[in-house]
């Protein structure tokens, strides 16, 4: 096993999933490892494999325990999956660069679309224009999807605009709102309660259940935010409706 994987740990999640922990550091290199492992599982699935879900520092592998029992009756499902994943990991003696998909996300910032933009600027000693520039100048990495279908947790945002979550979450955040929580940025695919600081909104649909895949963004994607005017926002909304 390569040195990159010396901190790998396996943990059972009930009788139908295994969590594989790859260290404890949230960084692009660990994200690459997790994406490579997820790709290997998709390319070389074991019988009974359902899906692999990457997170910040781990990947959860879901499987059908009954199918595994029928195929490997002498070995527990958990042991079999751990052994199988261990074999895949030995194939990853070096960290290959995950092929990133670049997705541009247009955003109208401030006003009714970003009610917390001024607060983010104030708490960080910046102007609203500087916040917009800093939020859109860095490429952000999608580490994981979670919380709601299609909600992408992104790292790589300029830390000069890092802002704590709201002390009291809103009961309803408009769909497609762009927010900041600590050093993370993300987009709400649907109207939902939430505590992130909302700085803008995108006209792009992030989750279409009848599409394959249904989520526009995937773990491992590289995101570029592009500031647009309110007029451009409305035009894009009209063309996509």
C-alpha atoms as a PDB file:
ATOM      1  CA  UNK A   1       0.000   0.000   0.000  1.00  0.00           C
ATOM      2  CA  UNK A   2       1.335   3.466  -0.847  1.00  0.00           C
ATOM      3  CA  UNK A   3       2.220   5.926   1.875  1.00  0.00           C
ATOM      4  CA  UNK A   4      -0.840   7.989   0.938  1.00  0.00           C
ATOM      5  CA  UNK A   5      -3.086   5.279   2.408  1.00  0.00           C
ATOM      6  CA  UNK A   6      -1.397   4.431   5.708  1.00  0.00           C
ATOM      7  CA  UNK A   7      -4.211   6.064   7.702  1.00  0.00           C
ATOM      8  CA  UNK A   8      -7.061   4.120   6.074  1.00  0.00           C
ATOM      9  CA  UNK A   9      -9.695   2.886   8.539  1.00  0.00           C
ATOM     10  CA  UNK A  10     -12.821   0.801   7.959  1.00  0.00           C
ATOM     11  CA  UNK A  11     -16.018   1.248   9.970  1.00  0.00           C
ATOM     12  CA  UNK A  12     -19.324  -0.636   9.619  1.00  0.00           C
ATOM     13  CA  UNK A  13     -22.497   1.410   9.161  1.00  0.00           C
ATOM     14  CA  UNK A  14     -25.273  -1.006  10.021  1.00  0.00           C
ATOM     15  CA  UNK A  15     -25.384  -4.217   7.988  1.00  0.00           C
ATOM     16  CA  UNK A  16     -25.380  -2.676   4.517  1.00  0.00           C
ATOM     17  CA  UNK A  17     -22.600  -0.084   4.367  1.00  0.00           C
ATOM     18  CA  UNK A  18     -18.918   0.400   5.119  1.00  0.00           C
ATOM     19  CA  UNK A  19     -17.265   3.774   5.704  1.00  0.00           C
ATOM     20  CA  UNK A  20     -13.654   4.003   4.546  1.00  0.00           C
ATOM     21  CA  UNK A  21     -11.780   6.811   6.307  1.00  0.00           C
ATOM     22  CA  UNK A  22      -8.828   8.311   4.389  1.00  0.00           C
ATOM     23  CA  UNK A  23      -6.999  10.413   6.979  1.00  0.00           C
ATOM     24  CA  UNK A  24      -8.488  13.419   8.768  1.00  0.00           C
ATOM     25  CA  UNK A  25      -7.381  16.307   6.577  1.00  0.00           C
ATOM     26  CA  UNK A  26      -9.755  18.200   4.304  1.00  0.00           C
ATOM     27  CA  UNK A  27      -7.651  19.024   1.265  1.00  0.00           C
ATOM     28  CA  UNK A  28      -7.637  18.551  -2.526  1.00  0.00           C
ATOM     29  CA  UNK A  29      -5.211  15.603  -2.412  1.00  0.00           C
ATOM     30  CA  UNK A  30      -7.525  13.584  -0.162  1.00  0.00           C
ATOM     31  CA  UNK A  31     -10.434  14.537  -2.403  1.00  0.00           C
ATOM     32  CA  UNK A  32      -8.504  13.121  -5.356  1.00  0.00           C
ATOM     33  CA  UNK A  33      -7.871   9.857  -3.498  1.00  0.00           C
ATOM     34  CA  UNK A  34     -11.560   9.510  -2.663  1.00  0.00           C
ATOM     35  CA  UNK A  35     -12.617  10.248  -6.240  1.00  0.00           C
ATOM     36  CA  UNK A  36     -10.137   7.690  -7.590  1.00  0.00           C
ATOM     37  CA  UNK A  37     -11.450   5.055  -5.186  1.00  0.00           C
ATOM     38  CA  UNK A  38     -15.047   5.872  -6.122  1.00  0.00           C
ATOM     39  CA  UNK A  39     -14.152   5.557  -9.818  1.00  0.00           C
ATOM     40  CA  UNK A  40     -12.489   2.176  -9.244  1.00  0.00           C
ATOM     41  CA  UNK A  41     -15.579   0.911  -7.448  1.00  0.00           C
ATOM     42  CA  UNK A  42     -17.794   2.039 -10.314  1.00  0.00           C
ATOM     43  CA  UNK A  43     -15.464   0.425 -12.861  1.00  0.00           C
ATOM     44  CA  UNK A  44     -14.927  -2.780 -10.872  1.00  0.00           C
ATOM     45  CA  UNK A  45     -18.077  -3.276  -8.753  1.00  0.00           C
ATOM     46  CA  UNK A  46     -18.437  -6.367  -6.605  1.00  0.00           C
ATOM     47  CA  UNK A  47     -21.673  -8.353  -6.748  1.00  0.00           C
ATOM     48  CA  UNK A  48     -24.178  -6.615  -4.476  1.00  0.00           C
ATOM     49  CA  UNK A  49     -22.525  -3.184  -4.797  1.00  0.00           C
ATOM     50  CA  UNK A  50     -25.076  -0.335  -4.789  1.00  0.00           C
ATOM     51  CA  UNK A  51     -23.167   2.942  -4.705  1.00  0.00           C
ATOM     52  CA  UNK A  52     -20.157   4.790  -3.299  1.00  0.00           C
ATOM     53  CA  UNK A  53     -20.686   8.208  -1.707  1.00  0.00           C
ATOM     54  CA  UNK A  54     -17.566  10.373  -1.149  1.00  0.00           C
ATOM     55  CA  UNK A  55     -17.444  12.924   1.684  1.00  0.00           C
ATOM     56  CA  UNK A  56     -14.714  15.265   2.969  1.00  0.00           C
ATOM     57  CA  UNK A  57     -12.378  12.603   4.400  1.00  0.00           C
ATOM     58  CA  UNK A  58     -14.189   9.329   3.787  1.00  0.00           C
ATOM     59  CA  UNK A  59     -16.246   7.332   1.345  1.00  0.00           C
ATOM     60  CA  UNK A  60     -19.287   5.241   2.258  1.00  0.00           C
ATOM     61  CA  UNK A  61     -19.898   2.088   0.251  1.00  0.00           C
ATOM     62  CA  UNK A  62     -23.465   0.770   0.190  1.00  0.00           C
ATOM     63  CA  UNK A  63     -24.227  -2.834  -0.678  1.00  0.00           C
ATOM     64  CA  UNK A  64     -26.935  -5.503  -0.552  1.00  0.00           C
ATOM     65  CA  UNK A  65     -25.977  -7.850   2.322  1.00  0.00           C
ATOM     66  CA  UNK A  66     -28.312 -10.615   1.140  1.00  0.00           C
ATOM     67  CA  UNK A  67     -26.676 -10.695  -2.295  1.00  0.00           C
ATOM     68  CA  UNK A  68     -23.238 -10.850  -0.690  1.00  0.00           C
ATOM     69  CA  UNK A  69     -24.372 -13.619   1.661  1.00  0.00           C
ATOM     70  CA  UNK A  70     -25.551 -15.725  -1.274  1.00  0.00           C
ATOM     71  CA  UNK A  71     -22.229 -15.249  -3.074  1.00  0.00           C
ATOM     72  CA  UNK A  72     -19.870 -15.383  -0.076  1.00  0.00           C
ATOM     73  CA  UNK A  73     -21.668 -17.406   2.568  1.00  0.00           C
ATOM     74  CA  UNK A  74     -18.491 -18.231   4.490  1.00  0.00           C
ATOM     75  CA  UNK A  75     -17.428 -14.596   4.897  1.00  0.00           C
ATOM     76  CA  UNK A  76     -19.404 -11.780   6.508  1.00  0.00           C
ATOM     77  CA  UNK A  77     -20.517  -9.054   4.129  1.00  0.00           C
ATOM     78  CA  UNK A  78     -18.549  -6.461   6.083  1.00  0.00           C
ATOM     79  CA  UNK A  79     -15.324  -8.498   5.930  1.00  0.00           C
ATOM     80  CA  UNK A  80     -15.751  -9.179   2.227  1.00  0.00           C
ATOM     81  CA  UNK A  81     -16.269  -5.494   1.363  1.00  0.00           C
ATOM     82  CA  UNK A  82     -13.292  -4.436   3.497  1.00  0.00           C
ATOM     83  CA  UNK A  83     -11.068  -7.004   1.783  1.00  0.00           C
ATOM     84  CA  UNK A  84     -12.337  -6.024  -1.652  1.00  0.00           C
ATOM     85  CA  UNK A  85     -11.741  -2.315  -1.042  1.00  0.00           C
ATOM     86  CA  UNK A  86      -8.307  -3.081   0.395  1.00  0.00           C
ATOM     87  CA  UNK A  87      -7.435  -4.826  -2.867  1.00  0.00           C
ATOM     88  CA  UNK A  88      -8.560  -1.781  -4.847  1.00  0.00           C
ATOM     89  CA  UNK A  89      -6.486   0.481  -2.631  1.00  0.00           C
ATOM     90  CA  UNK A  90      -3.367  -1.568  -3.346  1.00  0.00           C
ATOM     91  CA  UNK A  91      -3.883  -0.683  -7.014  1.00  0.00           C
ATOM     92  CA  UNK A  92      -3.594   2.984  -6.060  1.00  0.00           C
ATOM     93  CA  UNK A  93       0.116   3.018  -5.240  1.00  0.00           C
ATOM     94  CA  UNK A  94       0.311   6.618  -6.382  1.00  0.00           C
ATOM     95  CA  UNK A  95      -2.284   9.359  -6.232  1.00  0.00           C
ATOM     96  CA  UNK A  96      -3.469   9.879  -9.785  1.00  0.00           C
ATOM     97  CA  UNK A  97      -4.811  13.292 -10.659  1.00  0.00           C
ATOM     98  CA  UNK A  98      -8.588  13.071 -10.790  1.00  0.00           C
ATOM     99  CA  UNK A  99      -9.890  14.433 -14.081  1.00  0.00           C
ATOM    100  CA  UNK A 100     -11.833  17.505 -13.029  1.00  0.00           C
ATOM    101  CA  UNK A 101     -14.886  18.814 -14.784  1.00  0.00           C
ATOM    102  CA  UNK A 102     -15.023  22.621 -14.769  1.00  0.00           C
ATOM    103  CA  UNK A 103     -18.486  24.112 -14.253  1.00  0.00           C
ATOM    104  CA  UNK A 104     -19.197  27.841 -14.519  1.00  0.00           C
ATOM    105  CA  UNK A 105     -21.929  29.108 -12.194  1.00  0.00           C
ATOM    106  CA  UNK A 106     -23.348  32.579 -12.973  1.00  0.00           C
ATOM    107  CA  UNK A 107     -24.358  34.493  -9.834  1.00  0.00           C
ATOM    108  CA  UNK A 108     -26.209  37.742  -9.231  1.00  0.00           C
ATOM    109  CA  UNK A 109     -24.838  39.107  -5.966  1.00  0.00           C
ATOM    110  CA  UNK A 110     -26.449  41.263  -3.291  1.00  0.00           C
ATOM    111  CA  UNK A 111     -29.806  42.975  -3.030  1.00  0.00           C
ATOM    112  CA  UNK A 112     -32.829  40.713  -2.650  1.00  0.00           C
ATOM    113  CA  UNK A 113     -30.744  37.849  -4.050  1.00  0.00           C
ATOM    114  CA  UNK A 114     -27.971  38.149  -1.472  1.00  0.00           C
ATOM    115  CA  UNK A 115     -29.341  39.692   1.731  1.00  0.00           C
ATOM    116  CA  UNK A 116     -26.214  38.838   3.757  1.00  0.00           C
ATOM    117  CA  UNK A 117     -23.654  40.279   1.345  1.00  0.00           C
ATOM    118  CA  UNK A 118     -23.289  43.495   3.341  1.00  0.00           C
ATOM    119  CA  UNK A 119     -22.869  41.546   6.602  1.00  0.00           C
ATOM    120  CA  UNK A 120     -20.137  39.369   5.078  1.00  0.00           C
ATOM    121  CA  UNK A 121     -18.389  42.530   3.891  1.00  0.00           C
ATOM    122  CA  UNK A 122     -18.734  44.284   7.251  1.00  0.00           C
ATOM    123  CA  UNK A 123     -17.512  41.395   9.415  1.00  0.00           C
ATOM    124  CA  UNK A 124     -14.445  40.970   7.201  1.00  0.00           C
ATOM    125  CA  UNK A 125     -13.644  44.676   6.823  1.00  0.00           C
ATOM    126  CA  UNK A 126     -14.328  44.703   3.089  1.00  0.00           C
ATOM    127  CA  UNK A 127     -16.595  46.412   0.591  1.00  0.00           C
ATOM    128  CA  UNK A 128     -19.359  44.420  -1.076  1.00  0.00           C
ATOM    129  CA  UNK A 129     -17.520  44.699  -4.400  1.00  0.00           C
ATOM    130  CA  UNK A 130     -14.424  43.183  -2.780  1.00  0.00           C
ATOM    131  CA  UNK A 131     -16.479  40.287  -1.404  1.00  0.00           C
ATOM    132  CA  UNK A 132     -17.876  39.606  -4.875  1.00  0.00           C
ATOM    133  CA  UNK A 133     -14.403  39.745  -6.402  1.00  0.00           C
ATOM    134  CA  UNK A 134     -12.924  37.427  -3.774  1.00  0.00           C
ATOM    135  CA  UNK A 135     -15.801  34.959  -4.024  1.00  0.00           C
ATOM    136  CA  UNK A 136     -15.546  34.729  -7.806  1.00  0.00           C
ATOM    137  CA  UNK A 137     -11.779  34.866  -8.324  1.00  0.00           C
ATOM    138  CA  UNK A 138     -10.908  31.447  -6.837  1.00  0.00           C
ATOM    139  CA  UNK A 139     -11.873  28.133  -8.365  1.00  0.00           C
ATOM    140  CA  UNK A 140     -13.719  26.086  -5.749  1.00  0.00           C
ATOM    141  CA  UNK A 141     -13.646  22.311  -5.372  1.00  0.00           C
ATOM    142  CA  UNK A 142     -16.777  20.245  -4.740  1.00  0.00           C
ATOM    143  CA  UNK A 143     -15.815  17.893  -1.923  1.00  0.00           C
ATOM    144  CA  UNK A 144     -19.175  16.241  -1.412  1.00  0.00           C
ATOM    145  CA  UNK A 145     -22.934  16.369  -1.963  1.00  0.00           C
ATOM    146  CA  UNK A 146     -25.175  16.315   1.079  1.00  0.00           C
ATOM    147  CA  UNK A 147     -27.794  17.997   3.283  1.00  0.00           C
ATOM    148  CA  UNK A 148     -30.230  18.193   0.342  1.00  0.00           C
ATOM    149  CA  UNK A 149     -30.219  16.523  -3.102  1.00  0.00           C
ATOM    150  CA  UNK A 150     -27.656  18.306  -5.250  1.00  0.00           C
ATOM    151  CA  UNK A 151     -26.278  20.502  -2.437  1.00  0.00           C
ATOM    152  CA  UNK A 152     -22.538  20.791  -3.131  1.00  0.00           C
ATOM    153  CA  UNK A 153     -20.152  21.529  -0.269  1.00  0.00           C
ATOM    154  CA  UNK A 154     -17.224  23.461  -1.741  1.00  0.00           C
ATOM    155  CA  UNK A 155     -13.772  24.316  -0.467  1.00  0.00           C
ATOM    156  CA  UNK A 156     -11.112  26.602  -1.879  1.00  0.00           C
ATOM    157  CA  UNK A 157     -12.997  29.838  -1.254  1.00  0.00           C
ATOM    158  CA  UNK A 158     -10.793  32.809  -0.373  1.00  0.00           C
ATOM    159  CA  UNK A 159     -10.561  32.773   3.432  1.00  0.00           C
ATOM    160  CA  UNK A 160     -10.696  36.578   3.530  1.00  0.00           C
ATOM    161  CA  UNK A 161     -14.487  36.272   3.204  1.00  0.00           C
ATOM    162  CA  UNK A 162     -14.960  33.348   5.612  1.00  0.00           C
ATOM    163  CA  UNK A 163     -18.003  34.066   7.786  1.00  0.00           C
ATOM    164  CA  UNK A 164     -19.706  32.039  10.548  1.00  0.00           C
ATOM    165  CA  UNK A 165     -23.167  30.600  10.037  1.00  0.00           C
ATOM    166  CA  UNK A 166     -26.108  32.640  11.283  1.00  0.00           C
ATOM    167  CA  UNK A 167     -26.847  32.170  14.990  1.00  0.00           C
ATOM    168  CA  UNK A 168     -30.518  31.642  14.144  1.00  0.00           C
ATOM    169  CA  UNK A 169     -31.134  29.812  10.845  1.00  0.00           C
ATOM    170  CA  UNK A 170     -33.739  31.116   8.429  1.00  0.00           C
ATOM    171  CA  UNK A 171     -36.895  29.049   8.110  1.00  0.00           C
ATOM    172  CA  UNK A 172     -36.780  29.316   4.321  1.00  0.00           C
ATOM    173  CA  UNK A 173     -33.881  30.129   2.012  1.00  0.00           C
ATOM    174  CA  UNK A 174     -34.871  30.655  -1.643  1.00  0.00           C
ATOM    175  CA  UNK A 175     -33.864  27.929  -4.058  1.00  0.00           C
ATOM    176  CA  UNK A 176     -30.514  28.406  -5.840  1.00  0.00           C
ATOM    177  CA  UNK A 177     -29.184  30.814  -3.211  1.00  0.00           C
ATOM    178  CA  UNK A 178     -25.389  31.002  -2.918  1.00  0.00           C
ATOM    179  CA  UNK A 179     -24.103  31.030   0.638  1.00  0.00           C
ATOM    180  CA  UNK A 180     -21.039  31.064   2.881  1.00  0.00           C
ATOM    181  CA  UNK A 181     -20.542  29.055   6.077  1.00  0.00           C
ATOM    182  CA  UNK A 182     -17.115  29.361   7.661  1.00  0.00           C
ATOM    183  CA  UNK A 183     -14.551  28.626   4.947  1.00  0.00           C
ATOM    184  CA  UNK A 184     -17.110  26.817   2.784  1.00  0.00           C
ATOM    185  CA  UNK A 185     -19.370  28.045   0.037  1.00  0.00           C
ATOM    186  CA  UNK A 186     -22.378  26.270  -1.423  1.00  0.00           C
ATOM    187  CA  UNK A 187     -25.663  26.577  -3.293  1.00  0.00           C
ATOM    188  CA  UNK A 188     -29.118  25.609  -2.016  1.00  0.00           C
ATOM    189  CA  UNK A 189     -30.812  23.546  -4.785  1.00  0.00           C
ATOM    190  CA  UNK A 190     -34.270  23.936  -3.216  1.00  0.00           C
ATOM    191  CA  UNK A 191     -36.073  26.245  -0.823  1.00  0.00           C
ATOM    192  CA  UNK A 192     -35.148  24.921   2.597  1.00  0.00           C
ATOM    193  CA  UNK A 193     -34.310  26.088   6.122  1.00  0.00           C
ATOM    194  CA  UNK A 194     -30.647  26.964   6.542  1.00  0.00           C
ATOM    195  CA  UNK A 195     -28.081  29.008   8.400  1.00  0.00           C
ATOM    196  CA  UNK A 196     -25.582  29.962   5.720  1.00  0.00           C
ATOM    197  CA  UNK A 197     -24.899  33.627   4.923  1.00  0.00           C
ATOM    198  CA  UNK A 198     -26.645  34.259   1.599  1.00  0.00           C
ATOM    199  CA  UNK A 199     -24.684  36.480  -0.799  1.00  0.00           C
ATOM    200  CA  UNK A 200     -26.285  35.774  -4.184  1.00  0.00           C
ATOM    201  CA  UNK A 201     -28.338  33.514  -6.416  1.00  0.00           C
ATOM    202  CA  UNK A 202     -27.781  31.531  -9.597  1.00  0.00           C
ATOM    203  CA  UNK A 203     -30.305  30.999 -12.414  1.00  0.00           C
ATOM    204  CA  UNK A 204     -29.028  27.459 -13.062  1.00  0.00           C
ATOM    205  CA  UNK A 205     -31.078  24.461 -11.958  1.00  0.00           C
ATOM    206  CA  UNK A 206     -28.890  22.266  -9.770  1.00  0.00           C
ATOM    207  CA  UNK A 207     -31.109  19.213  -9.436  1.00  0.00           C
ATOM    208  CA  UNK A 208     -33.357  17.753 -12.130  1.00  0.00           C
ATOM    209  CA  UNK A 209     -34.728  14.384 -10.961  1.00  0.00           C
ATOM    210  CA  UNK A 210     -35.489  13.166 -14.483  1.00  0.00           C
ATOM    211  CA  UNK A 211     -31.941  13.761 -15.744  1.00  0.00           C
ATOM    212  CA  UNK A 212     -28.993  11.348 -15.502  1.00  0.00           C
ATOM    213  CA  UNK A 213     -27.261  12.209 -13.293  1.00  0.00           C
ATOM    214  CA  UNK A 214     -29.914  14.371 -11.628  1.00  0.00           C
ATOM    215  CA  UNK A 215     -27.390  16.666  -9.924  1.00  0.00           C
ATOM    216  CA  UNK A 216     -25.610  19.294 -12.032  1.00  0.00           C
ATOM    217  CA  UNK A 217     -22.619  19.262  -9.681  1.00  0.00           C
ATOM    218  CA  UNK A 218     -20.643  16.200  -8.629  1.00  0.00           C
ATOM    219  CA  UNK A 219     -17.933  15.594  -6.051  1.00  0.00           C
ATOM    220  CA  UNK A 220     -14.578  16.422  -7.630  1.00  0.00           C
ATOM    221  CA  UNK A 221     -15.933  19.177  -9.891  1.00  0.00           C
ATOM    222  CA  UNK A 222     -14.115  22.500 -10.167  1.00  0.00           C
ATOM    223  CA  UNK A 223     -16.485  25.479  -9.844  1.00  0.00           C
ATOM    224  CA  UNK A 224     -16.009  28.970 -11.242  1.00  0.00           C
ATOM    225  CA  UNK A 225     -18.451  31.619 -10.033  1.00  0.00           C
ATOM    226  CA  UNK A 226     -19.202  34.336 -12.594  1.00  0.00           C
ATOM    227  CA  UNK A 227     -20.773  37.625 -11.419  1.00  0.00           C
ATOM    228  CA  UNK A 228     -23.741  38.700 -13.553  1.00  0.00           C
ATOM    229  CA  UNK A 229     -26.208  41.587 -13.455  1.00  0.00           C
ATOM    230  CA  UNK A 230     -29.829  41.305 -12.385  1.00  0.00           C
ATOM    231  CA  UNK A 231     -30.835  41.791 -16.033  1.00  0.00           C
ATOM    232  CA  UNK A 232     -28.613  38.891 -17.114  1.00  0.00           C
ATOM    233  CA  UNK A 233     -29.985  36.785 -14.271  1.00  0.00           C
ATOM    234  CA  UNK A 234     -33.581  37.334 -15.400  1.00  0.00           C
ATOM    235  CA  UNK A 235     -32.694  36.629 -19.031  1.00  0.00           C
ATOM    236  CA  UNK A 236     -31.020  33.349 -18.093  1.00  0.00           C
ATOM    237  CA  UNK A 237     -33.994  32.384 -15.932  1.00  0.00           C
ATOM    238  CA  UNK A 238     -36.356  33.018 -18.843  1.00  0.00           C
ATOM    239  CA  UNK A 239     -34.303  30.984 -21.305  1.00  0.00           C
ATOM    240  CA  UNK A 240     -34.185  28.031 -18.892  1.00  0.00           C
ATOM    241  CA  UNK A 241     -37.881  28.072 -17.954  1.00  0.00           C
END
